[in-house]
């Protein structure tokens, strides 16, 4: 059984997809953009600020399901310019603390709304 997950604490989906989907013991989070859920507007066009907002949105979805960062098992980072990788990585490291899920980082030619970074994630519910 698949359950759509929606929380007002993260940005609303901007297309025909769910913020996240629960399937079995897994939570699949759609790619999160640097959108402030309070006003649905993009945050400042600086990569560190955008990365912090994306990670905050991921955290909000996790919390809506009583999950924490330590429940993350995989993330995928989409970057429009690999020259931003170090700054994104520093923000990501601060967010994750000691937790280290599997991760991919991919440079793409363009992201929705011309943002600088998008991150999708997979978390697991513990029995």
PDB file of N, CA and C in Angstrom:
ATOM      1  N   UNK A   1       0.837  -1.184   0.000  1.00  0.00           N
ATOM      2  CA  UNK A   1       0.000   0.000   0.000  1.00  0.00           C
ATOM      3  C   UNK A   1       0.884   1.251   0.000  1.00  0.00           C
ATOM      4  N   UNK A   2       0.504   2.218  -0.797  1.00  0.00           N
ATOM      5  CA  UNK A   2       1.248   3.473  -0.919  1.00  0.00           C
ATOM      6  C   UNK A   2       0.381   4.594  -0.356  1.00  0.00           C
ATOM      7  N   UNK A   3       1.005   5.420   0.489  1.00  0.00           N
ATOM      8  CA  UNK A   3       0.292   6.523   1.130  1.00  0.00           C
ATOM      9  C   UNK A   3       0.975   7.844   0.790  1.00  0.00           C
ATOM     10  N   UNK A   4       0.220   8.788   0.260  1.00  0.00           N
ATOM     11  CA  UNK A   4       0.755  10.117  -0.025  1.00  0.00           C
ATOM     12  C   UNK A   4       0.912  10.884   1.278  1.00  0.00           C
ATOM     13  N   UNK A   5       2.040  11.548   1.423  1.00  0.00           N
ATOM     14  CA  UNK A   5       2.333  12.337   2.615  1.00  0.00           C
ATOM     15  C   UNK A   5       2.302  13.818   2.251  1.00  0.00           C
ATOM     16  N   UNK A   6       1.559  14.596   3.042  1.00  0.00           N
ATOM     17  CA  UNK A   6       1.448  16.037   2.818  1.00  0.00           C
ATOM     18  C   UNK A   6       1.587  16.736   4.160  1.00  0.00           C
ATOM     19  N   UNK A   7       2.419  17.764   4.202  1.00  0.00           N
ATOM     20  CA  UNK A   7       2.531  18.587   5.400  1.00  0.00           C
ATOM     21  C   UNK A   7       2.601  20.054   4.995  1.00  0.00           C
ATOM     22  N   UNK A   8       1.965  20.903   5.776  1.00  0.00           N
ATOM     23  CA  UNK A   8       2.018  22.346   5.533  1.00  0.00           C
ATOM     24  C   UNK A   8       3.359  22.941   5.941  1.00  0.00           C
ATOM     25  N   UNK A   9       4.191  22.151   6.634  1.00  0.00           N
ATOM     26  CA  UNK A   9       5.491  22.627   7.090  1.00  0.00           C
ATOM     27  C   UNK A   9       6.581  22.537   6.025  1.00  0.00           C
ATOM     28  N   UNK A  10       6.226  22.042   4.854  1.00  0.00           N
ATOM     29  CA  UNK A  10       7.139  21.980   3.710  1.00  0.00           C
ATOM     30  C   UNK A  10       6.393  22.573   2.513  1.00  0.00           C
ATOM     31  N   UNK A  11       7.127  23.010   1.490  1.00  0.00           N
ATOM     32  CA  UNK A  11       6.461  23.607   0.329  1.00  0.00           C
ATOM     33  C   UNK A  11       5.492  22.634  -0.341  1.00  0.00           C
ATOM     34  N   UNK A  12       4.404  23.181  -0.817  1.00  0.00           N
ATOM     35  CA  UNK A  12       3.440  22.374  -1.568  1.00  0.00           C
ATOM     36  C   UNK A  12       4.082  21.922  -2.879  1.00  0.00           C
ATOM     37  N   UNK A  13       3.671  20.772  -3.368  1.00  0.00           N
ATOM     38  CA  UNK A  13       4.163  20.286  -4.653  1.00  0.00           C
ATOM     39  C   UNK A  13       3.792  21.288  -5.746  1.00  0.00           C
ATOM     40  N   UNK A  14       4.718  21.523  -6.666  1.00  0.00           N
ATOM     41  CA  UNK A  14       4.457  22.485  -7.745  1.00  0.00           C
ATOM     42  C   UNK A  14       4.035  21.789  -9.039  1.00  0.00           C
ATOM     43  N   UNK A  15       3.719  20.516  -8.941  1.00  0.00           N
ATOM     44  CA  UNK A  15       3.300  19.744 -10.101  1.00  0.00           C
ATOM     45  C   UNK A  15       2.510  18.529  -9.653  1.00  0.00           C
ATOM     46  N   UNK A  16       2.289  17.591 -10.577  1.00  0.00           N
ATOM     47  CA  UNK A  16       1.489  16.406 -10.272  1.00  0.00           C
ATOM     48  C   UNK A  16       2.310  15.319  -9.559  1.00  0.00           C
ATOM     49  N   UNK A  17       2.746  15.626  -8.342  1.00  0.00           N
ATOM     50  CA  UNK A  17       3.508  14.674  -7.544  1.00  0.00           C
ATOM     51  C   UNK A  17       3.254  14.951  -6.067  1.00  0.00           C
ATOM     52  N   UNK A  18       3.673  14.042  -5.220  1.00  0.00           N
ATOM     53  CA  UNK A  18       3.499  14.178  -3.772  1.00  0.00           C
ATOM     54  C   UNK A  18       4.778  14.720  -3.144  1.00  0.00           C
ATOM     55  N   UNK A  19       4.652  15.403  -2.004  1.00  0.00           N
ATOM     56  CA  UNK A  19       5.842  15.807  -1.243  1.00  0.00           C
ATOM     57  C   UNK A  19       6.656  14.569  -0.882  1.00  0.00           C
ATOM     58  N   UNK A  20       5.951  13.527  -0.484  1.00  0.00           N
ATOM     59  CA  UNK A  20       6.581  12.260  -0.131  1.00  0.00           C
ATOM     60  C   UNK A  20       5.540  11.150  -0.258  1.00  0.00           C
ATOM     61  N   UNK A  21       6.032   9.932  -0.319  1.00  0.00           N
ATOM     62  CA  UNK A  21       5.172   8.764  -0.392  1.00  0.00           C
ATOM     63  C   UNK A  21       5.711   7.713   0.561  1.00  0.00           C
ATOM     64  N   UNK A  22       4.824   7.169   1.383  1.00  0.00           N
ATOM     65  CA  UNK A  22       5.189   6.073   2.268  1.00  0.00           C
ATOM     66  C   UNK A  22       4.813   4.770   1.576  1.00  0.00           C
ATOM     67  N   UNK A  23       5.790   3.871   1.485  1.00  0.00           N
ATOM     68  CA  UNK A  23       5.572   2.554   0.894  1.00  0.00           C
ATOM     69  C   UNK A  23       6.270   1.540   1.789  1.00  0.00           C
ATOM     70  N   UNK A  24       5.485   0.717   2.459  1.00  0.00           N
ATOM     71  CA  UNK A  24       6.072  -0.236   3.400  1.00  0.00           C
ATOM     72  C   UNK A  24       6.800   0.515   4.508  1.00  0.00           C
ATOM     73  N   UNK A  25       8.041   0.141   4.750  1.00  0.00           N
ATOM     74  CA  UNK A  25       8.847   0.786   5.786  1.00  0.00           C
ATOM     75  C   UNK A  25       9.683   1.944   5.251  1.00  0.00           C
ATOM     76  N   UNK A  26       9.392   2.381   4.045  1.00  0.00           N
ATOM     77  CA  UNK A  26      10.191   3.443   3.436  1.00  0.00           C
ATOM     78  C   UNK A  26       9.372   4.702   3.189  1.00  0.00           C
ATOM     79  N   UNK A  27      10.052   5.836   3.298  1.00  0.00           N
ATOM     80  CA  UNK A  27       9.484   7.128   2.953  1.00  0.00           C
ATOM     81  C   UNK A  27      10.340   7.703   1.833  1.00  0.00           C
ATOM     82  N   UNK A  28       9.718   7.930   0.682  1.00  0.00           N
ATOM     83  CA  UNK A  28      10.404   8.479  -0.478  1.00  0.00           C
ATOM     84  C   UNK A  28      10.031   9.951  -0.607  1.00  0.00           C
ATOM     85  N   UNK A  29      11.006  10.828  -0.416  1.00  0.00           N
ATOM     86  CA  UNK A  29      10.765  12.263  -0.499  1.00  0.00           C
ATOM     87  C   UNK A  29      11.071  12.750  -1.903  1.00  0.00           C
ATOM     88  N   UNK A  30      10.130  13.472  -2.495  1.00  0.00           N
ATOM     89  CA  UNK A  30      10.374  14.084  -3.799  1.00  0.00           C
ATOM     90  C   UNK A  30      11.487  15.106  -3.663  1.00  0.00           C
ATOM     91  N   UNK A  31      12.086  15.463  -4.777  1.00  0.00           N
ATOM     92  CA  UNK A  31      13.129  16.476  -4.757  1.00  0.00           C
ATOM     93  C   UNK A  31      12.603  17.755  -4.131  1.00  0.00           C
ATOM     94  N   UNK A  32      13.315  18.250  -3.136  1.00  0.00           N
ATOM     95  CA  UNK A  32      12.904  19.467  -2.442  1.00  0.00           C
ATOM     96  C   UNK A  32      13.653  20.662  -3.006  1.00  0.00           C
ATOM     97  N   UNK A  33      12.906  21.720  -3.242  1.00  0.00           N
ATOM     98  CA  UNK A  33      13.465  22.965  -3.763  1.00  0.00           C
ATOM     99  C   UNK A  33      13.614  23.961  -2.622  1.00  0.00           C
ATOM    100  N   UNK A  34      14.406  25.010  -2.815  1.00  0.00           N
ATOM    101  CA  UNK A  34      14.590  26.025  -1.777  1.00  0.00           C
ATOM    102  C   UNK A  34      13.426  27.012  -1.717  1.00  0.00           C
ATOM    103  N   UNK A  35      12.269  26.479  -1.396  1.00  0.00           N
ATOM    104  CA  UNK A  35      11.048  27.277  -1.297  1.00  0.00           C
ATOM    105  C   UNK A  35      10.650  27.369   0.171  1.00  0.00           C
ATOM    106  N   UNK A  36      10.354  28.565   0.624  1.00  0.00           N
ATOM    107  CA  UNK A  36       9.896  28.787   1.994  1.00  0.00           C
ATOM    108  C   UNK A  36       8.436  28.351   2.074  1.00  0.00           C
ATOM    109  N   UNK A  37       8.111  27.393   2.936  1.00  0.00           N
ATOM    110  CA  UNK A  37       6.731  26.910   3.017  1.00  0.00           C
ATOM    111  C   UNK A  37       5.744  27.954   3.537  1.00  0.00           C
ATOM    112  N   UNK A  38       6.235  28.993   4.189  1.00  0.00           N
ATOM    113  CA  UNK A  38       5.341  30.014   4.733  1.00  0.00           C
ATOM    114  C   UNK A  38       4.704  30.879   3.654  1.00  0.00           C
ATOM    115  N   UNK A  39       5.465  31.167   2.596  1.00  0.00           N
ATOM    116  CA  UNK A  39       4.918  32.016   1.527  1.00  0.00           C
ATOM    117  C   UNK A  39       5.051  31.404   0.136  1.00  0.00           C
ATOM    118  N   UNK A  40       5.577  30.179   0.067  1.00  0.00           N
ATOM    119  CA  UNK A  40       5.751  29.453  -1.198  1.00  0.00           C
ATOM    120  C   UNK A  40       6.651  30.206  -2.182  1.00  0.00           C
ATOM    121  N   UNK A  41       7.576  31.012  -1.657  1.00  0.00           N
ATOM    122  CA  UNK A  41       8.496  31.774  -2.502  1.00  0.00           C
ATOM    123  C   UNK A  41       9.903  31.189  -2.401  1.00  0.00           C
ATOM    124  N   UNK A  42      10.660  31.334  -3.495  1.00  0.00           N
ATOM    125  CA  UNK A  42      12.056  30.911  -3.476  1.00  0.00           C
ATOM    126  C   UNK A  42      12.840  31.771  -2.500  1.00  0.00           C
ATOM    127  N   UNK A  43      13.796  31.150  -1.821  1.00  0.00           N
ATOM    128  CA  UNK A  43      14.669  31.907  -0.928  1.00  0.00           C
ATOM    129  C   UNK A  43      15.783  32.547  -1.753  1.00  0.00           C
ATOM    130  N   UNK A  44      16.576  33.360  -1.111  1.00  0.00           N
ATOM    131  CA  UNK A  44      17.674  34.105  -1.730  1.00  0.00           C
ATOM    132  C   UNK A  44      18.466  33.260  -2.730  1.00  0.00           C
ATOM    133  N   UNK A  45      18.929  33.883  -3.791  1.00  0.00           N
ATOM    134  CA  UNK A  45      19.659  33.169  -4.845  1.00  0.00           C
ATOM    135  C   UNK A  45      21.134  32.970  -4.505  1.00  0.00           C
ATOM    136  N   UNK A  46      21.403  32.445  -3.335  1.00  0.00           N
ATOM    137  CA  UNK A  46      22.758  32.127  -2.906  1.00  0.00           C
ATOM    138  C   UNK A  46      22.748  30.651  -2.512  1.00  0.00           C
ATOM    139  N   UNK A  47      23.763  29.912  -2.922  1.00  0.00           N
ATOM    140  CA  UNK A  47      23.717  28.452  -2.815  1.00  0.00           C
ATOM    141  C   UNK A  47      23.646  27.953  -1.371  1.00  0.00           C
ATOM    142  N   UNK A  48      24.324  28.596  -0.446  1.00  0.00           N
ATOM    143  CA  UNK A  48      24.260  28.141   0.952  1.00  0.00           C
ATOM    144  C   UNK A  48      22.845  28.325   1.518  1.00  0.00           C
ATOM    145  N   UNK A  49      22.255  29.473   1.262  1.00  0.00           N
ATOM    146  CA  UNK A  49      20.898  29.748   1.743  1.00  0.00           C
ATOM    147  C   UNK A  49      19.910  28.773   1.130  1.00  0.00           C
ATOM    148  N   UNK A  50      20.054  28.529  -0.164  1.00  0.00           N
ATOM    149  CA  UNK A  50      19.151  27.587  -0.824  1.00  0.00           C
ATOM    150  C   UNK A  50      19.325  26.178  -0.270  1.00  0.00           C
ATOM    151  N   UNK A  51      20.559  25.771  -0.039  1.00  0.00           N
ATOM    152  CA  UNK A  51      20.805  24.427   0.502  1.00  0.00           C
ATOM    153  C   UNK A  51      20.203  24.281   1.891  1.00  0.00           C
ATOM    154  N   UNK A  52      20.372  25.287   2.743  1.00  0.00           N
ATOM    155  CA  UNK A  52      19.781  25.239   4.098  1.00  0.00           C
ATOM    156  C   UNK A  52      18.268  25.095   4.028  1.00  0.00           C
ATOM    157  N   UNK A  53      17.623  25.829   3.108  1.00  0.00           N
ATOM    158  CA  UNK A  53      16.168  25.750   2.994  1.00  0.00           C
ATOM    159  C   UNK A  53      15.730  24.374   2.502  1.00  0.00           C
ATOM    160  N   UNK A  54      16.434  23.840   1.526  1.00  0.00           N
ATOM    161  CA  UNK A  54      16.111  22.501   1.024  1.00  0.00           C
ATOM    162  C   UNK A  54      16.199  21.482   2.155  1.00  0.00           C
ATOM    163  N   UNK A  55      17.263  21.549   2.944  1.00  0.00           N
ATOM    164  CA  UNK A  55      17.437  20.606   4.049  1.00  0.00           C
ATOM    165  C   UNK A  55      16.391  20.817   5.142  1.00  0.00           C
ATOM    166  N   UNK A  56      16.011  22.053   5.381  1.00  0.00           N
ATOM    167  CA  UNK A  56      14.940  22.334   6.345  1.00  0.00           C
ATOM    168  C   UNK A  56      13.627  21.724   5.860  1.00  0.00           C
ATOM    169  N   UNK A  57      13.365  21.804   4.563  1.00  0.00           N
ATOM    170  CA  UNK A  57      12.138  21.218   4.011  1.00  0.00           C
ATOM    171  C   UNK A  57      12.146  19.697   4.159  1.00  0.00           C
ATOM    172  N   UNK A  58      13.295  19.083   3.929  1.00  0.00           N
ATOM    173  CA  UNK A  58      13.421  17.633   4.127  1.00  0.00           C
ATOM    174  C   UNK A  58      13.140  17.295   5.586  1.00  0.00           C
ATOM    175  N   UNK A  59      13.738  18.060   6.485  1.00  0.00           N
ATOM    176  CA  UNK A  59      13.543  17.822   7.906  1.00  0.00           C
ATOM    177  C   UNK A  59      12.070  17.947   8.306  1.00  0.00           C
ATOM    178  N   UNK A  60      11.375  18.922   7.744  1.00  0.00           N
ATOM    179  CA  UNK A  60       9.953  19.098   8.056  1.00  0.00           C
ATOM    180  C   UNK A  60       9.121  17.899   7.623  1.00  0.00           C
ATOM    181  N   UNK A  61       9.421  17.363   6.467  1.00  0.00           N
ATOM    182  CA  UNK A  61       8.683  16.179   5.999  1.00  0.00           C
ATOM    183  C   UNK A  61       8.993  14.990   6.895  1.00  0.00           C
ATOM    184  N   UNK A  62      10.255  14.824   7.246  1.00  0.00           N
ATOM    185  CA  UNK A  62      10.614  13.729   8.153  1.00  0.00           C
ATOM    186  C   UNK A  62       9.869  13.857   9.482  1.00  0.00           C
ATOM    187  N   UNK A  63       9.894  15.053  10.063  1.00  0.00           N
ATOM    188  CA  UNK A  63       9.236  15.267  11.359  1.00  0.00           C
ATOM    189  C   UNK A  63       7.736  15.007  11.278  1.00  0.00           C
ATOM    190  N   UNK A  64       7.127  15.301  10.127  1.00  0.00           N
ATOM    191  CA  UNK A  64       5.686  15.063   9.986  1.00  0.00           C
ATOM    192  C   UNK A  64       5.347  13.583  10.122  1.00  0.00           C
ATOM    193  N   UNK A  65       6.350  12.741   9.954  1.00  0.00           N
ATOM    194  CA  UNK A  65       6.172  11.292  10.070  1.00  0.00           C
ATOM    195  C   UNK A  65       6.875  10.727  11.306  1.00  0.00           C
ATOM    196  N   UNK A  66       7.224  11.615  12.237  1.00  0.00           N
ATOM    197  CA  UNK A  66       7.942  11.246  13.453  1.00  0.00           C
ATOM    198  C   UNK A  66       9.282  10.568  13.147  1.00  0.00           C
ATOM    199  N   UNK A  67       9.932  11.040  12.090  1.00  0.00           N
ATOM    200  CA  UNK A  67      11.258  10.544  11.716  1.00  0.00           C
ATOM    201  C   UNK A  67      12.290  11.633  11.973  1.00  0.00           C
ATOM    202  N   UNK A  68      13.542  11.216  11.993  1.00  0.00           N
ATOM    203  CA  UNK A  68      14.655  12.137  12.192  1.00  0.00           C
ATOM    204  C   UNK A  68      15.667  11.969  11.068  1.00  0.00           C
ATOM    205  N   UNK A  69      16.667  12.820  11.096  1.00  0.00           N
ATOM    206  CA  UNK A  69      17.732  12.753  10.094  1.00  0.00           C
ATOM    207  C   UNK A  69      18.351  11.365  10.065  1.00  0.00           C
ATOM    208  N   UNK A  70      18.478  10.741  11.222  1.00  0.00           N
ATOM    209  CA  UNK A  70      19.108   9.419  11.298  1.00  0.00           C
ATOM    210  C   UNK A  70      18.299   8.333  10.598  1.00  0.00           C
ATOM    211  N   UNK A  71      17.060   8.631  10.196  1.00  0.00           N
ATOM    212  CA  UNK A  71      16.265   7.672   9.430  1.00  0.00           C
ATOM    213  C   UNK A  71      16.560   7.738   7.936  1.00  0.00           C
ATOM    214  N   UNK A  72      17.307   8.761   7.511  1.00  0.00           N
ATOM    215  CA  UNK A  72      17.660   8.869   6.096  1.00  0.00           C
ATOM    216  C   UNK A  72      18.643   7.767   5.715  1.00  0.00           C
ATOM    217  N   UNK A  73      18.361   7.086   4.593  1.00  0.00           N
ATOM    218  CA  UNK A  73      19.261   6.042   4.117  1.00  0.00           C
ATOM    219  C   UNK A  73      19.913   6.400   2.790  1.00  0.00           C
ATOM    220  N   UNK A  74      19.316   7.353   2.047  1.00  0.00           N
ATOM    221  CA  UNK A  74      19.866   7.729   0.742  1.00  0.00           C
ATOM    222  C   UNK A  74      19.409   9.135   0.382  1.00  0.00           C
ATOM    223  N   UNK A  75      20.326   9.922  -0.134  1.00  0.00           N
ATOM    224  CA  UNK A  75      19.981  11.231  -0.684  1.00  0.00           C
ATOM    225  C   UNK A  75      20.593  11.364  -2.065  1.00  0.00           C
ATOM    226  N   UNK A  76      19.955  12.166  -2.879  1.00  0.00           N
ATOM    227  CA  UNK A  76      20.501  12.522  -4.190  1.00  0.00           C
ATOM    228  C   UNK A  76      20.458  14.033  -4.294  1.00  0.00           C
ATOM    229  N   UNK A  77      21.612  14.619  -4.563  1.00  0.00           N
ATOM    230  CA  UNK A  77      21.740  16.066  -4.686  1.00  0.00           C
ATOM    231  C   UNK A  77      21.876  16.407  -6.160  1.00  0.00           C
ATOM    232  N   UNK A  78      21.020  17.288  -6.626  1.00  0.00           N
ATOM    233  CA  UNK A  78      21.102  17.793  -7.993  1.00  0.00           C
ATOM    234  C   UNK A  78      21.619  19.223  -7.918  1.00  0.00           C
ATOM    235  N   UNK A  79      22.690  19.504  -8.638  1.00  0.00           N
ATOM    236  CA  UNK A  79      23.370  20.795  -8.595  1.00  0.00           C
ATOM    237  C   UNK A  79      23.446  21.345 -10.015  1.00  0.00           C
ATOM    238  N   UNK A  80      23.168  22.633 -10.173  1.00  0.00           N
ATOM    239  CA  UNK A  80      23.249  23.199 -11.523  1.00  0.00           C
ATOM    240  C   UNK A  80      24.679  23.590 -11.898  1.00  0.00           C
ATOM    241  N   UNK A  81      25.593  23.603 -10.921  1.00  0.00           N
ATOM    242  CA  UNK A  81      26.991  23.967 -11.181  1.00  0.00           C
ATOM    243  C   UNK A  81      27.866  23.277 -10.142  1.00  0.00           C
ATOM    244  N   UNK A  82      28.668  22.323 -10.572  1.00  0.00           N
ATOM    245  CA  UNK A  82      29.502  21.553  -9.647  1.00  0.00           C
ATOM    246  C   UNK A  82      30.505  22.439  -8.903  1.00  0.00           C
ATOM    247  N   UNK A  83      30.710  23.660  -9.361  1.00  0.00           N
ATOM    248  CA  UNK A  83      31.567  24.589  -8.627  1.00  0.00           C
ATOM    249  C   UNK A  83      30.969  24.944  -7.258  1.00  0.00           C
ATOM    250  N   UNK A  84      29.678  24.699  -7.067  1.00  0.00           N
ATOM    251  CA  UNK A  84      29.017  24.952  -5.785  1.00  0.00           C
ATOM    252  C   UNK A  84      29.119  23.757  -4.834  1.00  0.00           C
ATOM    253  N   UNK A  85      29.716  22.673  -5.292  1.00  0.00           N
ATOM    254  CA  UNK A  85      29.703  21.425  -4.520  1.00  0.00           C
ATOM    255  C   UNK A  85      30.255  21.600  -3.110  1.00  0.00           C
ATOM    256  N   UNK A  86      31.367  22.286  -2.941  1.00  0.00           N
ATOM    257  CA  UNK A  86      31.970  22.425  -1.617  1.00  0.00           C
ATOM    258  C   UNK A  86      31.044  23.164  -0.652  1.00  0.00           C
ATOM    259  N   UNK A  87      30.423  24.245  -1.106  1.00  0.00           N
ATOM    260  CA  UNK A  87      29.508  24.997  -0.237  1.00  0.00           C
ATOM    261  C   UNK A  87      28.289  24.152   0.139  1.00  0.00           C
ATOM    262  N   UNK A  88      27.749  23.447  -0.832  1.00  0.00           N
ATOM    263  CA  UNK A  88      26.605  22.567  -0.574  1.00  0.00           C
ATOM    264  C   UNK A  88      27.019  21.469   0.402  1.00  0.00           C
ATOM    265  N   UNK A  89      28.180  20.902   0.180  1.00  0.00           N
ATOM    266  CA  UNK A  89      28.667  19.827   1.032  1.00  0.00           C
ATOM    267  C   UNK A  89      28.866  20.291   2.477  1.00  0.00           C
ATOM    268  N   UNK A  90      29.342  21.519   2.669  1.00  0.00           N
ATOM    269  CA  UNK A  90      29.524  22.054   4.019  1.00  0.00           C
ATOM    270  C   UNK A  90      28.176  22.199   4.731  1.00  0.00           C
ATOM    271  N   UNK A  91      27.161  22.721   4.039  1.00  0.00           N
ATOM    272  CA  UNK A  91      25.824  22.850   4.633  1.00  0.00           C
ATOM    273  C   UNK A  91      25.228  21.476   4.912  1.00  0.00           C
ATOM    274  N   UNK A  92      25.402  20.562   3.979  1.00  0.00           N
ATOM    275  CA  UNK A  92      24.898  19.194   4.120  1.00  0.00           C
ATOM    276  C   UNK A  92      25.535  18.522   5.341  1.00  0.00           C
ATOM    277  N   UNK A  93      26.846  18.680   5.493  1.00  0.00           N
ATOM    278  CA  UNK A  93      27.561  18.082   6.618  1.00  0.00           C
ATOM    279  C   UNK A  93      27.061  18.636   7.949  1.00  0.00           C
ATOM    280  N   UNK A  94      26.836  19.936   8.026  1.00  0.00           N
ATOM    281  CA  UNK A  94      26.294  20.537   9.251  1.00  0.00           C
ATOM    282  C   UNK A  94      24.925  19.965   9.585  1.00  0.00           C
ATOM    283  N   UNK A  95      24.111  19.799   8.564  1.00  0.00           N
ATOM    284  CA  UNK A  95      22.759  19.279   8.744  1.00  0.00           C
ATOM    285  C   UNK A  95      22.784  17.823   9.209  1.00  0.00           C
ATOM    286  N   UNK A  96      23.621  17.009   8.577  1.00  0.00           N
ATOM    287  CA  UNK A  96      23.666  15.574   8.877  1.00  0.00           C
ATOM    288  C   UNK A  96      24.396  15.264  10.178  1.00  0.00           C
ATOM    289  N   UNK A  97      25.241  16.192  10.649  1.00  0.00           N
ATOM    290  CA  UNK A  97      26.062  15.936  11.836  1.00  0.00           C
ATOM    291  C   UNK A  97      26.905  14.683  11.592  1.00  0.00           C
ATOM    292  N   UNK A  98      26.767  13.671  12.439  1.00  0.00           N
ATOM    293  CA  UNK A  98      27.566  12.439  12.311  1.00  0.00           C
ATOM    294  C   UNK A  98      26.898  11.392  11.413  1.00  0.00           C
ATOM    295  N   UNK A  99      25.631  11.605  11.064  1.00  0.00           N
ATOM    296  CA  UNK A  99      24.898  10.636  10.242  1.00  0.00           C
ATOM    297  C   UNK A  99      25.405  10.694   8.805  1.00  0.00           C
ATOM    298  N   UNK A 100      25.597   9.551   8.186  1.00  0.00           N
ATOM    299  CA  UNK A 100      26.103   9.487   6.820  1.00  0.00           C
ATOM    300  C   UNK A 100      25.274   8.523   5.969  1.00  0.00           C
ATOM    301  N   UNK A 101      24.145   9.001   5.408  1.00  0.00           N
ATOM    302  CA  UNK A 101      23.403   8.124   4.490  1.00  0.00           C
ATOM    303  C   UNK A 101      24.165   7.978   3.174  1.00  0.00           C
ATOM    304  N   UNK A 102      23.799   6.990   2.399  1.00  0.00           N
ATOM    305  CA  UNK A 102      24.351   6.882   1.050  1.00  0.00           C
ATOM    306  C   UNK A 102      23.955   8.141   0.286  1.00  0.00           C
ATOM    307  N   UNK A 103      24.769   8.545  -0.693  1.00  0.00           N
ATOM    308  CA  UNK A 103      24.481   9.809  -1.373  1.00  0.00           C
ATOM    309  C   UNK A 103      25.049   9.807  -2.782  1.00  0.00           C
ATOM    310  N   UNK A 104      24.344  10.496  -3.661  1.00  0.00           N
ATOM    311  CA  UNK A 104      24.839  10.795  -5.000  1.00  0.00           C
ATOM    312  C   UNK A 104      24.753  12.298  -5.183  1.00  0.00           C
ATOM    313  N   UNK A 105      25.657  12.837  -5.977  1.00  0.00           N
ATOM    314  CA  UNK A 105      25.603  14.257  -6.337  1.00  0.00           C
ATOM    315  C   UNK A 105      25.782  14.342  -7.848  1.00  0.00           C
ATOM    316  N   UNK A 106      24.828  15.004  -8.493  1.00  0.00           N
ATOM    317  CA  UNK A 106      24.788  15.037  -9.949  1.00  0.00           C
ATOM    318  C   UNK A 106      24.665  16.479 -10.431  1.00  0.00           C
ATOM    319  N   UNK A 107      25.523  16.860 -11.367  1.00  0.00           N
ATOM    320  CA  UNK A 107      25.371  18.171 -11.987  1.00  0.00           C
ATOM    321  C   UNK A 107      24.376  18.042 -13.137  1.00  0.00           C
ATOM    322  N   UNK A 108      23.424  18.970 -13.168  1.00  0.00           N
ATOM    323  CA  UNK A 108      22.408  18.984 -14.220  1.00  0.00           C
ATOM    324  C   UNK A 108      22.436  20.346 -14.914  1.00  0.00           C
ATOM    325  N   UNK A 109      21.910  20.404 -16.112  1.00  0.00           N
ATOM    326  CA  UNK A 109      21.961  21.663 -16.852  1.00  0.00           C
ATOM    327  C   UNK A 109      20.975  22.702 -16.324  1.00  0.00           C
ATOM    328  N   UNK A 110      19.881  22.226 -15.742  1.00  0.00           N
ATOM    329  CA  UNK A 110      18.884  23.166 -15.249  1.00  0.00           C
ATOM    330  C   UNK A 110      17.975  22.461 -14.252  1.00  0.00           C
ATOM    331  N   UNK A 111      17.489  23.220 -13.261  1.00  0.00           N
ATOM    332  CA  UNK A 111      16.569  22.695 -12.254  1.00  0.00           C
ATOM    333  C   UNK A 111      15.275  23.504 -12.292  1.00  0.00           C
ATOM    334  N   UNK A 112      14.179  22.947 -11.764  1.00  0.00           N
ATOM    335  CA  UNK A 112      12.914  23.689 -11.751  1.00  0.00           C
ATOM    336  C   UNK A 112      13.089  25.066 -11.102  1.00  0.00           C
ATOM    337  N   UNK A 113      12.422  26.046 -11.666  1.00  0.00           N
ATOM    338  CA  UNK A 113      12.445  27.429 -11.171  1.00  0.00           C
ATOM    339  C   UNK A 113      13.848  28.026 -11.172  1.00  0.00           C
ATOM    340  N   UNK A 114      14.761  27.397 -11.929  1.00  0.00           N
ATOM    341  CA  UNK A 114      16.151  27.847 -12.039  1.00  0.00           C
ATOM    342  C   UNK A 114      16.864  27.928 -10.692  1.00  0.00           C
ATOM    343  N   UNK A 115      16.518  27.028  -9.770  1.00  0.00           N
ATOM    344  CA  UNK A 115      17.198  26.994  -8.477  1.00  0.00           C
ATOM    345  C   UNK A 115      18.602  26.436  -8.658  1.00  0.00           C
ATOM    346  N   UNK A 116      19.411  26.568  -7.626  1.00  0.00           N
ATOM    347  CA  UNK A 116      20.803  26.123  -7.685  1.00  0.00           C
ATOM    348  C   UNK A 116      20.985  24.697  -7.186  1.00  0.00           C
ATOM    349  N   UNK A 117      20.044  24.222  -6.341  1.00  0.00           N
ATOM    350  CA  UNK A 117      20.178  22.904  -5.741  1.00  0.00           C
ATOM    351  C   UNK A 117      18.794  22.311  -5.465  1.00  0.00           C
ATOM    352  N   UNK A 118      18.713  20.995  -5.613  1.00  0.00           N
ATOM    353  CA  UNK A 118      17.508  20.222  -5.280  1.00  0.00           C
ATOM    354  C   UNK A 118      17.994  18.922  -4.655  1.00  0.00           C
ATOM    355  N   UNK A 119      17.320  18.467  -3.618  1.00  0.00           N
ATOM    356  CA  UNK A 119      17.719  17.213  -2.962  1.00  0.00           C
ATOM    357  C   UNK A 119      16.495  16.332  -2.767  1.00  0.00           C
ATOM    358  N   UNK A 120      16.628  15.060  -3.171  1.00  0.00           N
ATOM    359  CA  UNK A 120      15.601  14.068  -2.884  1.00  0.00           C
ATOM    360  C   UNK A 120      16.180  13.086  -1.869  1.00  0.00           C
ATOM    361  N   UNK A 121      15.301  12.369  -1.170  1.00  0.00           N
ATOM    362  CA  UNK A 121      15.784  11.500  -0.099  1.00  0.00           C
ATOM    363  C   UNK A 121      14.885  10.286   0.086  1.00  0.00           C
ATOM    364  N   UNK A 122      15.472   9.271   0.702  1.00  0.00           N
ATOM    365  CA  UNK A 122      14.749   8.070   1.096  1.00  0.00           C
ATOM    366  C   UNK A 122      15.054   7.845   2.572  1.00  0.00           C
ATOM    367  N   UNK A 123      13.998   7.630   3.353  1.00  0.00           N
ATOM    368  CA  UNK A 123      14.147   7.341   4.774  1.00  0.00           C
ATOM    369  C   UNK A 123      13.483   5.997   5.081  1.00  0.00           C
ATOM    370  N   UNK A 124      13.858   5.431   6.190  1.00  0.00           N
ATOM    371  CA  UNK A 124      13.288   4.154   6.603  1.00  0.00           C
ATOM    372  C   UNK A 124      12.635   4.316   7.973  1.00  0.00           C
ATOM    373  N   UNK A 125      11.471   3.685   8.126  1.00  0.00           N
ATOM    374  CA  UNK A 125      10.802   3.613   9.419  1.00  0.00           C
ATOM    375  C   UNK A 125      11.394   2.422  10.155  1.00  0.00           C
ATOM    376  N   UNK A 126      11.751   2.629  11.403  1.00  0.00           N
ATOM    377  CA  UNK A 126      12.280   1.521  12.190  1.00  0.00           C
ATOM    378  C   UNK A 126      11.131   0.758  12.819  1.00  0.00           C
ATOM    379  N   UNK A 127      11.279  -0.552  12.893  1.00  0.00           N
ATOM    380  CA  UNK A 127      10.231  -1.391  13.508  1.00  0.00           C
ATOM    381  C   UNK A 127      10.247  -1.256  15.006  1.00  0.00           C
TER     382      UNK A 127
END
